[in-house]
Amino acid sequence: GKGSRVGNVVISEGRQLHDSTDVHTGARKDGIYR
């Protein structure tokens, strides 16, 4: 089934450890820890 897999994370290229916020949109960009 689709709901049983755990511990699977996709980290995009150029992502940083910590969260950051975009100046223009104010949206939070999740960091690797998140």
PDB file of all heavy atoms in Angstrom:
ATOM      1  N   GLY A   1       0.811  -1.210   0.000  1.00  0.00           N
ATOM      2  CA  GLY A   1       0.000   0.000   0.000  1.00  0.00           C
ATOM      3  C   GLY A   1       0.844   1.259   0.000  1.00  0.00           C
ATOM      4  O   GLY A   1       2.060   1.226   0.216  1.00  0.00           O
ATOM      5  N   LYS A   2       0.214   2.393  -0.208  1.00  0.00           N
ATOM      6  CA  LYS A   2       0.944   3.654  -0.341  1.00  0.00           C
ATOM      7  C   LYS A   2       1.233   4.316   1.002  1.00  0.00           C
ATOM      8  O   LYS A   2       2.113   5.165   1.092  1.00  0.00           O
ATOM      9  CB  LYS A   2       0.142   4.627  -1.203  1.00  0.00           C
ATOM     10  CG  LYS A   2      -0.010   4.169  -2.655  1.00  0.00           C
ATOM     11  CD  LYS A   2      -0.770   5.201  -3.476  1.00  0.00           C
ATOM     12  CE  LYS A   2      -0.892   4.759  -4.928  1.00  0.00           C
ATOM     13  NZ  LYS A   2      -1.635   5.756  -5.757  1.00  0.00           N
ATOM     14  N   GLY A   3       0.520   3.961   2.038  1.00  0.00           N
ATOM     15  CA  GLY A   3       0.663   4.688   3.288  1.00  0.00           C
ATOM     16  C   GLY A   3       1.626   4.092   4.290  1.00  0.00           C
ATOM     17  O   GLY A   3       1.810   4.654   5.381  1.00  0.00           O
ATOM     18  N   SER A   4       2.271   2.985   3.964  1.00  0.00           N
ATOM     19  CA  SER A   4       3.098   2.308   4.966  1.00  0.00           C
ATOM     20  C   SER A   4       4.566   2.731   4.933  1.00  0.00           C
ATOM     21  O   SER A   4       5.298   2.480   5.888  1.00  0.00           O
ATOM     22  CB  SER A   4       3.011   0.789   4.774  1.00  0.00           C
ATOM     23  OG  SER A   4       3.504   0.423   3.504  1.00  0.00           O
ATOM     24  N   ARG A   5       5.006   3.345   3.857  1.00  0.00           N
ATOM     25  CA  ARG A   5       6.418   3.697   3.776  1.00  0.00           C
ATOM     26  C   ARG A   5       6.729   4.883   4.679  1.00  0.00           C
ATOM     27  O   ARG A   5       6.017   5.887   4.678  1.00  0.00           O
ATOM     28  CB  ARG A   5       6.818   4.029   2.339  1.00  0.00           C
ATOM     29  CG  ARG A   5       8.331   4.132   2.155  1.00  0.00           C
ATOM     30  CD  ARG A   5       8.725   4.175   0.707  1.00  0.00           C
ATOM     31  NE  ARG A   5      10.175   4.212   0.545  1.00  0.00           N
ATOM     32  CZ  ARG A   5      10.793   4.238  -0.628  1.00  0.00           C
ATOM     33  NH1 ARG A   5      10.075   4.252  -1.752  1.00  0.00           N
ATOM     34  NH2 ARG A   5      12.112   4.252  -0.689  1.00  0.00           N
ATOM     35  N   VAL A   6       7.809   4.787   5.416  1.00  0.00           N
ATOM     36  CA  VAL A   6       8.229   5.831   6.352  1.00  0.00           C
ATOM     37  C   VAL A   6       9.732   6.064   6.184  1.00  0.00           C
ATOM     38  O   VAL A   6      10.440   5.253   5.586  1.00  0.00           O
ATOM     39  CB  VAL A   6       7.910   5.443   7.815  1.00  0.00           C
ATOM     40  CG1 VAL A   6       6.412   5.382   8.058  1.00  0.00           C
ATOM     41  CG2 VAL A   6       8.559   4.100   8.169  1.00  0.00           C
ATOM     42  N   GLY A   7      10.210   7.199   6.719  1.00  0.00           N
ATOM     43  CA  GLY A   7      11.637   7.484   6.671  1.00  0.00           C
ATOM     44  C   GLY A   7      12.154   7.768   5.278  1.00  0.00           C
ATOM     45  O   GLY A   7      13.353   7.626   5.030  1.00  0.00           O
ATOM     46  N   ASN A   8      11.286   8.187   4.387  1.00  0.00           N
ATOM     47  CA  ASN A   8      11.680   8.499   3.011  1.00  0.00           C
ATOM     48  C   ASN A   8      11.614  10.014   2.810  1.00  0.00           C
ATOM     49  O   ASN A   8      10.549  10.610   2.942  1.00  0.00           O
ATOM     50  CB  ASN A   8      10.755   7.782   2.020  1.00  0.00           C
ATOM     51  CG  ASN A   8      11.090   8.088   0.582  1.00  0.00           C
ATOM     52  OD1 ASN A   8      10.317   8.731  -0.124  1.00  0.00           O
ATOM     53  ND2 ASN A   8      12.238   7.630   0.127  1.00  0.00           N
ATOM     54  N   VAL A   9      12.760  10.621   2.513  1.00  0.00           N
ATOM     55  CA  VAL A   9      12.827  12.075   2.400  1.00  0.00           C
ATOM     56  C   VAL A   9      13.454  12.453   1.064  1.00  0.00           C
ATOM     57  O   VAL A   9      14.399  11.810   0.613  1.00  0.00           O
ATOM     58  CB  VAL A   9      13.632  12.694   3.568  1.00  0.00           C
ATOM     59  CG1 VAL A   9      15.050  12.168   3.622  1.00  0.00           C
ATOM     60  CG2 VAL A   9      13.604  14.206   3.504  1.00  0.00           C
ATOM     61  N   VAL A  10      12.872  13.491   0.449  1.00  0.00           N
ATOM     62  CA  VAL A  10      13.404  14.027  -0.804  1.00  0.00           C
ATOM     63  C   VAL A  10      13.973  15.410  -0.519  1.00  0.00           C
ATOM     64  O   VAL A  10      13.248  16.306  -0.083  1.00  0.00           O
ATOM     65  CB  VAL A  10      12.322  14.099  -1.886  1.00  0.00           C
ATOM     66  CG1 VAL A  10      12.895  14.703  -3.172  1.00  0.00           C
ATOM     67  CG2 VAL A  10      11.744  12.716  -2.157  1.00  0.00           C
ATOM     68  N   ILE A  11      15.272  15.557  -0.741  1.00  0.00           N
ATOM     69  CA  ILE A  11      15.953  16.829  -0.485  1.00  0.00           C
ATOM     70  C   ILE A  11      16.339  17.425  -1.837  1.00  0.00           C
ATOM     71  O   ILE A  11      17.085  16.813  -2.599  1.00  0.00           O
ATOM     72  CB  ILE A  11      17.204  16.611   0.393  1.00  0.00           C
ATOM     73  CG1 ILE A  11      16.789  16.036   1.752  1.00  0.00           C
ATOM     74  CG2 ILE A  11      17.980  17.904   0.561  1.00  0.00           C
ATOM     75  CD1 ILE A  11      17.949  15.655   2.640  1.00  0.00           C
ATOM     76  N   SER A  12      15.820  18.591  -2.111  1.00  0.00           N
ATOM     77  CA  SER A  12      16.097  19.226  -3.397  1.00  0.00           C
ATOM     78  C   SER A  12      17.506  19.811  -3.405  1.00  0.00           C
ATOM     79  O   SER A  12      18.092  20.120  -2.362  1.00  0.00           O
ATOM     80  CB  SER A  12      15.071  20.328  -3.675  1.00  0.00           C
ATOM     81  OG  SER A  12      15.118  21.310  -2.655  1.00  0.00           O
ATOM     82  N   GLU A  13      18.049  19.973  -4.620  1.00  0.00           N
ATOM     83  CA  GLU A  13      19.390  20.526  -4.782  1.00  0.00           C
ATOM     84  C   GLU A  13      19.440  21.967  -4.270  1.00  0.00           C
ATOM     85  O   GLU A  13      18.537  22.768  -4.515  1.00  0.00           O
ATOM     86  CB  GLU A  13      19.799  20.490  -6.251  1.00  0.00           C
ATOM     87  CG  GLU A  13      19.919  19.102  -6.840  1.00  0.00           C
ATOM     88  CD  GLU A  13      18.609  18.545  -7.354  1.00  0.00           C
ATOM     89  OE1 GLU A  13      17.552  19.171  -7.072  1.00  0.00           O
ATOM     90  OE2 GLU A  13      18.626  17.508  -8.020  1.00  0.00           O
ATOM     91  N   GLY A  14      20.488  22.280  -3.547  1.00  0.00           N
ATOM     92  CA  GLY A  14      20.670  23.639  -3.054  1.00  0.00           C
ATOM     93  C   GLY A  14      19.933  23.955  -1.773  1.00  0.00           C
ATOM     94  O   GLY A  14      19.965  25.097  -1.299  1.00  0.00           O
ATOM     95  N   ARG A  15      19.300  22.945  -1.152  1.00  0.00           N
ATOM     96  CA  ARG A  15      18.550  23.205   0.084  1.00  0.00           C
ATOM     97  C   ARG A  15      19.521  23.289   1.256  1.00  0.00           C
ATOM     98  O   ARG A  15      20.514  22.575   1.330  1.00  0.00           O
ATOM     99  CB  ARG A  15      17.513  22.115   0.325  1.00  0.00           C
ATOM    100  CG  ARG A  15      16.473  22.486   1.396  1.00  0.00           C
ATOM    101  CD  ARG A  15      15.361  21.464   1.434  1.00  0.00           C
ATOM    102  NE  ARG A  15      14.573  21.488   0.199  1.00  0.00           N
ATOM    103  CZ  ARG A  15      13.498  22.258   0.017  1.00  0.00           C
ATOM    104  NH1 ARG A  15      13.091  23.058   0.984  1.00  0.00           N
ATOM    105  NH2 ARG A  15      12.848  22.206  -1.121  1.00  0.00           N
ATOM    106  N   GLN A  16      19.188  24.170   2.205  1.00  0.00           N
ATOM    107  CA  GLN A  16      20.027  24.384   3.380  1.00  0.00           C
ATOM    108  C   GLN A  16      19.491  23.639   4.593  1.00  0.00           C
ATOM    109  O   GLN A  16      18.336  23.176   4.596  1.00  0.00           O
ATOM    110  CB  GLN A  16      20.111  25.877   3.675  1.00  0.00           C
ATOM    111  CG  GLN A  16      20.732  26.681   2.539  1.00  0.00           C
ATOM    112  CD  GLN A  16      20.625  28.188   2.767  1.00  0.00           C
ATOM    113  OE1 GLN A  16      19.807  28.656   3.567  1.00  0.00           O
ATOM    114  NE2 GLN A  16      21.443  28.960   2.062  1.00  0.00           N
ATOM    115  N   LEU A  17      20.326  23.526   5.638  1.00  0.00           N
ATOM    116  CA  LEU A  17      19.907  22.808   6.841  1.00  0.00           C
ATOM    117  C   LEU A  17      18.694  23.444   7.506  1.00  0.00           C
ATOM    118  O   LEU A  17      17.779  22.753   7.936  1.00  0.00           O
ATOM    119  CB  LEU A  17      21.054  22.754   7.853  1.00  0.00           C
ATOM    120  CG  LEU A  17      22.145  21.698   7.670  1.00  0.00           C
ATOM    121  CD1 LEU A  17      23.201  21.858   8.755  1.00  0.00           C
ATOM    122  CD2 LEU A  17      21.560  20.284   7.702  1.00  0.00           C
ATOM    123  N   HIS A  18      18.700  24.784   7.590  1.00  0.00           N
ATOM    124  CA  HIS A  18      17.683  25.487   8.363  1.00  0.00           C
ATOM    125  C   HIS A  18      16.619  26.122   7.459  1.00  0.00           C
ATOM    126  O   HIS A  18      16.856  26.357   6.273  1.00  0.00           O
ATOM    127  CB  HIS A  18      18.330  26.562   9.242  1.00  0.00           C
ATOM    128  CG  HIS A  18      19.351  26.023  10.194  1.00  0.00           C
ATOM    129  ND1 HIS A  18      20.676  25.859   9.860  1.00  0.00           N
ATOM    130  CD2 HIS A  18      19.230  25.583  11.476  1.00  0.00           C
ATOM    131  CE1 HIS A  18      21.339  25.358  10.887  1.00  0.00           C
ATOM    132  NE2 HIS A  18      20.482  25.172  11.882  1.00  0.00           N
ATOM    133  N   ASP A  19      15.467  26.408   8.062  1.00  0.00           N
ATOM    134  CA  ASP A  19      14.396  27.081   7.338  1.00  0.00           C
ATOM    135  C   ASP A  19      14.824  28.499   6.966  1.00  0.00           C
ATOM    136  O   ASP A  19      15.642  29.133   7.660  1.00  0.00           O
ATOM    137  CB  ASP A  19      13.128  27.152   8.197  1.00  0.00           C
ATOM    138  CG  ASP A  19      12.563  25.769   8.512  1.00  0.00           C
ATOM    139  OD1 ASP A  19      12.941  24.803   7.820  1.00  0.00           O
ATOM    140  OD2 ASP A  19      11.743  25.665   9.451  1.00  0.00           O
ATOM    141  N   SER A  20      14.272  29.003   5.887  1.00  0.00           N
ATOM    142  CA  SER A  20      14.494  30.396   5.479  1.00  0.00           C
ATOM    143  C   SER A  20      13.184  30.955   4.935  1.00  0.00           C
ATOM    144  O   SER A  20      12.249  30.202   4.642  1.00  0.00           O
ATOM    145  CB  SER A  20      15.599  30.496   4.418  1.00  0.00           C
ATOM    146  OG  SER A  20      15.242  29.752   3.273  1.00  0.00           O
ATOM    147  N   THR A  21      13.141  32.284   4.779  1.00  0.00           N
ATOM    148  CA  THR A  21      11.916  32.952   4.306  1.00  0.00           C
ATOM    149  C   THR A  21      12.228  33.789   3.081  1.00  0.00           C
ATOM    150  O   THR A  21      13.236  34.505   3.054  1.00  0.00           O
ATOM    151  CB  THR A  21      11.328  33.860   5.405  1.00  0.00           C
ATOM    152  OG1 THR A  21      11.092  33.072   6.584  1.00  0.00           O
ATOM    153  CG2 THR A  21      10.020  34.495   4.957  1.00  0.00           C
ATOM    154  N   ASP A  22      11.365  33.674   2.074  1.00  0.00           N
ATOM    155  CA  ASP A  22      11.561  34.448   0.857  1.00  0.00           C
ATOM    156  C   ASP A  22      11.158  35.907   1.086  1.00  0.00           C
ATOM    157  O   ASP A  22      10.099  36.185   1.652  1.00  0.00           O
ATOM    158  CB  ASP A  22      10.724  33.858  -0.283  1.00  0.00           C
ATOM    159  CG  ASP A  22      11.003  34.541  -1.600  1.00  0.00           C
ATOM    160  OD1 ASP A  22      11.963  34.133  -2.280  1.00  0.00           O
ATOM    161  OD2 ASP A  22      10.252  35.476  -1.941  1.00  0.00           O
ATOM    162  N   VAL A  23      12.014  36.826   0.635  1.00  0.00           N
ATOM    163  CA  VAL A  23      11.760  38.256   0.841  1.00  0.00           C
ATOM    164  C   VAL A  23      10.475  38.688   0.149  1.00  0.00           C
ATOM    165  O   VAL A  23       9.672  39.447   0.708  1.00  0.00           O
ATOM    166  CB  VAL A  23      12.957  39.083   0.327  1.00  0.00           C
ATOM    167  CG1 VAL A  23      12.599  40.562   0.260  1.00  0.00           C
ATOM    168  CG2 VAL A  23      14.171  38.857   1.212  1.00  0.00           C
ATOM    169  N   HIS A  24      10.234  38.227  -1.047  1.00  0.00           N
ATOM    170  CA  HIS A  24       9.115  38.703  -1.853  1.00  0.00           C
ATOM    171  C   HIS A  24       7.782  38.105  -1.424  1.00  0.00           C
ATOM    172  O   HIS A  24       6.765  38.799  -1.394  1.00  0.00           O
ATOM    173  CB  HIS A  24       9.369  38.395  -3.329  1.00  0.00           C
ATOM    174  CG  HIS A  24      10.553  39.111  -3.899  1.00  0.00           C
ATOM    175  ND1 HIS A  24      10.550  40.455  -4.218  1.00  0.00           N
ATOM    176  CD2 HIS A  24      11.799  38.656  -4.180  1.00  0.00           C
ATOM    177  CE1 HIS A  24      11.737  40.805  -4.694  1.00  0.00           C
ATOM    178  NE2 HIS A  24      12.511  39.719  -4.682  1.00  0.00           N
ATOM    179  N   THR A  25       7.754  36.805  -1.099  1.00  0.00           N
ATOM    180  CA  THR A  25       6.480  36.146  -0.800  1.00  0.00           C
ATOM    181  C   THR A  25       6.230  35.932   0.692  1.00  0.00           C
ATOM    182  O   THR A  25       5.089  35.723   1.103  1.00  0.00           O
ATOM    183  CB  THR A  25       6.425  34.779  -1.493  1.00  0.00           C
ATOM    184  OG1 THR A  25       7.442  33.926  -0.948  1.00  0.00           O
ATOM    185  CG2 THR A  25       6.669  34.926  -2.994  1.00  0.00           C
ATOM    186  N   GLY A  26       7.280  35.943   1.474  1.00  0.00           N
ATOM    187  CA  GLY A  26       7.124  35.663   2.907  1.00  0.00           C
ATOM    188  C   GLY A  26       6.924  34.188   3.207  1.00  0.00           C
ATOM    189  O   GLY A  26       6.718  33.802   4.365  1.00  0.00           O
ATOM    190  N   ALA A  27       6.973  33.361   2.172  1.00  0.00           N
ATOM    191  CA  ALA A  27       6.775  31.928   2.375  1.00  0.00           C
ATOM    192  C   ALA A  27       8.005  31.288   3.011  1.00  0.00           C
ATOM    193  O   ALA A  27       9.140  31.687   2.739  1.00  0.00           O
ATOM    194  CB  ALA A  27       6.466  31.258   1.046  1.00  0.00           C
ATOM    195  N   ARG A  28       7.746  30.338   3.845  1.00  0.00           N
ATOM    196  CA  ARG A  28       8.851  29.620   4.477  1.00  0.00           C
ATOM    197  C   ARG A  28       9.371  28.555   3.532  1.00  0.00           C
ATOM    198  O   ARG A  28       8.590  27.778   2.970  1.00  0.00           O
ATOM    199  CB  ARG A  28       8.393  28.978   5.782  1.00  0.00           C
ATOM    200  CG  ARG A  28       9.516  28.279   6.564  1.00  0.00           C
ATOM    201  CD  ARG A  28       8.986  27.554   7.785  1.00  0.00           C
ATOM    202  NE  ARG A  28       8.285  26.319   7.419  1.00  0.00           N
ATOM    203  CZ  ARG A  28       7.596  25.585   8.282  1.00  0.00           C
ATOM    204  NH1 ARG A  28       7.482  25.975   9.551  1.00  0.00           N
ATOM    205  NH2 ARG A  28       6.982  24.486   7.883  1.00  0.00           N
ATOM    206  N   LYS A  29      10.659  28.513   3.402  1.00  0.00           N
ATOM    207  CA  LYS A  29      11.283  27.438   2.642  1.00  0.00           C
ATOM    208  C   LYS A  29      11.857  26.453   3.648  1.00  0.00           C
ATOM    209  O   LYS A  29      12.785  26.782   4.392  1.00  0.00           O
ATOM    210  CB  LYS A  29      12.390  27.983   1.733  1.00  0.00           C
ATOM    211  CG  LYS A  29      13.010  26.908   0.857  1.00  0.00           C
ATOM    212  CD  LYS A  29      14.043  27.488  -0.097  1.00  0.00           C
ATOM    213  CE  LYS A  29      14.612  26.399  -1.003  1.00  0.00           C
ATOM    214  NZ  LYS A  29      15.604  26.953  -1.961  1.00  0.00           N
ATOM    215  N   ASP A  30      11.280  25.257   3.683  1.00  0.00           N
ATOM    216  CA  ASP A  30      11.690  24.262   4.673  1.00  0.00           C
ATOM    217  C   ASP A  30      13.142  23.844   4.458  1.00  0.00           C
ATOM    218  O   ASP A  30      13.572  23.576   3.327  1.00  0.00           O
ATOM    219  CB  ASP A  30      10.800  23.033   4.586  1.00  0.00           C
ATOM    220  CG  ASP A  30       9.377  23.303   5.040  1.00  0.00           C
ATOM    221  OD1 ASP A  30       9.156  24.341   5.700  1.00  0.00           O
ATOM    222  OD2 ASP A  30       8.500  22.477   4.727  1.00  0.00           O
ATOM    223  N   GLY A  31      13.862  23.791   5.574  1.00  0.00           N
ATOM    224  CA  GLY A  31      15.241  23.319   5.522  1.00  0.00           C
ATOM    225  C   GLY A  31      15.311  21.792   5.604  1.00  0.00           C
ATOM    226  O   GLY A  31      14.299  21.095   5.735  1.00  0.00           O
ATOM    227  N   ILE A  32      16.509  21.278   5.538  1.00  0.00           N
ATOM    228  CA  ILE A  32      16.703  19.827   5.560  1.00  0.00           C
ATOM    229  C   ILE A  32      16.223  19.223   6.875  1.00  0.00           C
ATOM    230  O   ILE A  32      15.592  18.152   6.890  1.00  0.00           O
ATOM    231  CB  ILE A  32      18.191  19.491   5.311  1.00  0.00           C
ATOM    232  CG1 ILE A  32      18.576  19.886   3.887  1.00  0.00           C
ATOM    233  CG2 ILE A  32      18.472  18.015   5.552  1.00  0.00           C
ATOM    234  CD1 ILE A  32      20.048  19.724   3.575  1.00  0.00           C
ATOM    235  N   TYR A  33      16.484  19.899   7.982  1.00  0.00           N
ATOM    236  CA  TYR A  33      16.013  19.379   9.267  1.00  0.00           C
ATOM    237  C   TYR A  33      14.487  19.249   9.279  1.00  0.00           C
ATOM    238  O   TYR A  33      13.938  18.276   9.803  1.00  0.00           O
ATOM    239  CB  TYR A  33      16.463  20.295  10.412  1.00  0.00           C
ATOM    240  CG  TYR A  33      17.934  20.167  10.782  1.00  0.00           C
ATOM    241  CD1 TYR A  33      18.629  21.259  11.301  1.00  0.00           C
ATOM    242  CD2 TYR A  33      18.612  18.966  10.637  1.00  0.00           C
ATOM    243  CE1 TYR A  33      19.969  21.163  11.649  1.00  0.00           C
ATOM    244  CE2 TYR A  33      19.948  18.868  10.980  1.00  0.00           C
ATOM    245  CZ  TYR A  33      20.627  19.957  11.476  1.00  0.00           C
ATOM    246  OH  TYR A  33      21.957  19.844  11.826  1.00  0.00           O
ATOM    247  N   ARG A  34      13.798  20.211   8.712  1.00  0.00           N
ATOM    248  CA  ARG A  34      12.333  20.170   8.662  1.00  0.00           C
ATOM    249  C   ARG A  34      11.866  19.002   7.788  1.00  0.00           C
ATOM    250  O   ARG A  34      10.909  18.301   8.138  1.00  0.00           O
ATOM    251  CB  ARG A  34      11.791  21.486   8.103  1.00  0.00           C
ATOM    252  CG  ARG A  34      10.279  21.589   8.055  1.00  0.00           C
ATOM    253  CD  ARG A  34       9.663  21.884   9.392  1.00  0.00           C
ATOM    254  NE  ARG A  34      10.168  23.152   9.908  1.00  0.00           N
ATOM    255  CZ  ARG A  34       9.859  23.624  11.126  1.00  0.00           C
ATOM    256  NH1 ARG A  34       9.081  22.919  11.934  1.00  0.00           N
ATOM    257  NH2 ARG A  34      10.342  24.789  11.551  1.00  0.00           N
TER     258      ARG A  34
END
